[in-house]
Protein backbone atom coordinates (compact mmCIF):
# COMPACT_ATOMS: atom_id res chain seq x y z
CA MET A 1 -79.99 -0.64 9.53
CA THR A 2 -79.09 -3.48 7.20
CA ILE A 3 -75.69 -1.90 6.55
CA SER A 4 -74.86 -1.66 10.27
CA PHE A 5 -75.83 -5.29 10.75
CA LEU A 6 -73.49 -6.34 7.90
CA LEU A 7 -70.66 -4.25 9.35
CA MET A 8 -71.14 -5.84 12.76
CA ALA A 9 -71.14 -9.30 11.19
CA CYS A 10 -67.91 -8.56 9.29
CA ALA A 11 -66.31 -7.00 12.35
CA SER A 12 -67.03 -10.05 14.45
CA THR A 13 -65.02 -12.19 12.03
CA LEU A 14 -62.04 -9.85 12.42
CA ILE A 15 -61.87 -10.21 16.18
CA PRO A 16 -59.26 -12.83 17.00
CA ALA A 17 -60.49 -15.78 18.98
CA THR A 18 -58.78 -16.46 22.26
CA ASN A 19 -56.87 -19.69 22.20
CA THR A 20 -55.20 -21.18 25.20
CA SER A 21 -53.13 -23.70 23.24
CA PRO A 22 -49.46 -22.81 22.81
CA GLU A 23 -48.49 -21.46 19.41
CA ALA A 24 -45.48 -22.59 17.46
CA THR A 25 -42.61 -20.15 17.76
CA PRO A 26 -40.99 -19.36 14.41
CA THR A 27 -37.30 -20.16 14.32
CA ALA A 28 -34.68 -18.26 12.36
CA THR A 29 -32.96 -20.32 9.73
CA GLN A 30 -29.42 -19.72 8.58
CA PRO A 31 -29.27 -19.00 4.87
CA ALA A 32 -27.11 -21.44 2.98
CA CYS A 33 -23.68 -20.19 2.03
CA GLN A 34 -23.82 -18.52 -1.35
CA PRO A 35 -20.25 -18.50 -2.69
CA SER A 36 -19.32 -16.10 -5.46
CA LYS A 37 -19.54 -17.54 -8.96
CA THR A 38 -16.18 -18.77 -10.21
CA GLN A 39 -15.26 -18.74 -13.89
CA ILE A 40 -12.09 -19.63 -15.76
CA SER A 41 -9.98 -16.65 -16.86
CA LYS A 42 -8.19 -16.43 -20.21
CA ASN A 43 -5.07 -17.38 -18.21
CA GLU A 44 -6.75 -20.68 -17.25
CA PHE A 45 -6.98 -19.75 -13.55
CA PRO A 46 -10.28 -19.51 -11.65
CA GLU A 47 -11.49 -15.93 -11.23
CA ILE A 48 -14.35 -14.20 -9.45
CA GLN A 49 -15.99 -10.88 -10.18
CA GLY A 50 -16.66 -9.20 -6.84
CA THR A 51 -19.98 -7.98 -5.54
CA MET A 52 -19.70 -4.20 -5.29
CA LYS A 53 -20.72 -2.10 -2.30
CA SER A 54 -19.80 1.07 -4.26
CA ASP A 55 -19.06 2.13 -7.82
CA GLY A 56 -16.10 0.41 -9.46
CA GLU A 57 -14.98 -3.16 -10.13
CA LEU A 58 -13.27 -5.90 -8.13
CA TRP A 59 -11.81 -9.12 -9.53
CA ALA A 60 -10.04 -11.99 -7.76
CA LEU A 61 -7.71 -14.45 -9.51
CA LEU A 62 -7.37 -17.67 -7.52
CA PHE A 63 -4.22 -19.75 -7.48
CA PHE A 64 -6.11 -22.78 -6.13
CA ASP A 65 -9.10 -24.84 -7.21
CA SER A 66 -10.79 -25.13 -3.82
CA ALA A 67 -10.19 -23.38 -0.51
CA THR A 68 -9.18 -25.58 2.42
CA ALA A 69 -8.72 -24.53 6.04
CA ASN A 70 -5.16 -24.27 7.38
CA GLN A 71 -3.57 -24.01 3.93
CA ASP A 72 -1.79 -20.99 2.44
CA LEU A 73 -3.86 -19.68 -0.48
CA LYS A 74 -2.74 -17.09 -3.02
CA PHE A 75 -5.07 -14.44 -4.45
CA VAL A 76 -4.37 -11.73 -7.01
CA TRP A 77 -6.77 -8.79 -6.99
CA ARG A 78 -7.74 -6.12 -9.50
CA ILE A 79 -9.72 -3.17 -8.16
CA THR A 80 -10.56 0.20 -9.64
CA THR A 81 -9.94 3.13 -7.31
CA ILE A 82 -12.69 5.71 -7.13
CA GLY A 83 -12.30 9.05 -5.39
CA THR A 84 -9.40 10.42 -3.45
CA GLY A 85 -7.49 8.38 -0.99
CA GLN A 86 -5.31 5.63 -2.22
CA GLY A 87 -4.35 2.44 -0.56
CA PHE A 88 -5.51 -1.11 -0.52
CA HIS A 89 -7.11 -2.76 2.49
CA ILE A 90 -8.32 -6.35 2.69
CA GLU A 91 -9.75 -8.60 5.39
CA ALA A 92 -11.71 -11.82 5.60
CA LYS A 93 -14.63 -12.45 7.94
CA SER A 94 -16.09 -15.83 8.86
CA GLU A 95 -19.80 -16.45 9.28
CA ASN A 96 -19.33 -16.37 13.07
CA GLY A 97 -17.62 -12.95 12.95
CA LYS A 98 -13.93 -13.92 13.17
CA ILE A 99 -11.81 -11.42 11.18
CA ILE A 100 -8.41 -12.31 9.74
CA LEU A 101 -5.86 -10.33 7.74
CA PRO A 102 -3.64 -11.70 4.98
CA ILE A 103 -0.63 -13.79 6.02
CA TRP A 104 1.34 -11.81 3.42
CA GLY A 105 0.67 -8.74 1.31
CA PRO A 106 -0.86 -6.78 -0.01
CA GLU A 107 1.91 -6.56 -2.60
CA PHE A 108 1.45 -4.13 -5.48
CA HIS A 109 1.98 -5.68 -8.92
CA GLY A 110 3.20 -3.38 -11.68
CA GLY A 111 1.34 -5.43 -14.27
CA SER A 112 0.64 -8.88 -15.62
CA ASN A 113 -1.12 -10.67 -18.45
CA TRP A 114 -4.38 -10.87 -16.46
CA ASN A 115 -6.56 -8.36 -18.26
CA ARG A 116 -9.05 -6.86 -15.79
CA PRO A 117 -9.57 -3.18 -14.86
CA GLY A 118 -7.81 -1.51 -11.94
CA GLU A 119 -4.57 -1.85 -10.05
CA GLU A 120 -3.24 -5.31 -9.28
CA TRP A 121 -2.34 -6.58 -5.81
CA GLY A 122 -1.34 -9.96 -4.39
CA THR A 123 -2.24 -11.43 -1.00
CA GLY A 124 -2.10 -14.72 0.82
CA PHE A 125 -4.70 -16.04 3.27
CA ASN A 126 -4.72 -19.00 5.61
CA PHE A 127 -8.27 -19.59 6.83
CA PRO A 128 -8.16 -21.09 10.35
CA GLN A 129 -11.56 -22.78 10.13
CA PRO A 130 -13.94 -24.12 7.50
CA GLY A 131 -17.14 -22.31 6.59
CA CYS A 132 -18.34 -19.31 4.62
CA TRP A 133 -15.88 -16.42 4.41
CA THR A 134 -16.45 -12.90 3.08
CA ILE A 135 -13.34 -11.16 1.78
CA THR A 136 -13.75 -7.38 1.66
CA VAL A 137 -11.40 -5.25 -0.44
CA THR A 138 -11.22 -1.44 -0.24
CA SER A 139 -9.28 0.96 -2.46
CA GLY A 140 -10.11 4.64 -2.06
CA ALA A 141 -13.91 4.81 -2.06
CA THR A 142 -14.22 1.49 -3.93
CA ILE A 143 -15.49 -1.42 -1.84
CA GLY A 144 -16.14 -4.94 -3.11
CA GLU A 145 -16.52 -8.43 -1.68
CA ILE A 146 -16.19 -12.04 -2.68
CA TYR A 147 -17.68 -15.00 -0.80
CA ILE A 148 -15.90 -18.34 -0.63
CA VAL A 149 -16.52 -21.68 1.03
CA VAL A 150 -13.56 -23.06 2.94
CA SER A 151 -13.66 -26.81 3.50
CA ALA A 152 -12.13 -28.75 6.37
CA HIS A 153 -8.56 -29.92 5.98
CA THR A 154 -8.54 -33.63 5.22
């Protein structure tokens, strides 16, 4: 009998009280843009190691110090190709879903003094608006991304 009384007492604390006051509605917050980490290559240019969505490696060599909207920007890419199916595909996507393709390239490079694994390709982008951009590169079954912040043209 004592046990049932204790269970009833505990159960009564688990029953939610009715409250007629309005509750605060949680709001979704946008995560802050997390650009890929840039380092200086042995060639003295900024480079980024891509975030992989598959096996393999992706590297980007940047021919600019900071990305600005409405400016032509040159990238050189190194990507390892895994699996069958060749080719190189690249696109950039803004945080609001706008997708753009390169303004030139991809151009295959036979080689260079930039020492990273994979085949080398060159592209140019002109980002039409500032914000966070995700550049996705695919070669065969290899998929990698870099994330950059594009500032407003001043």
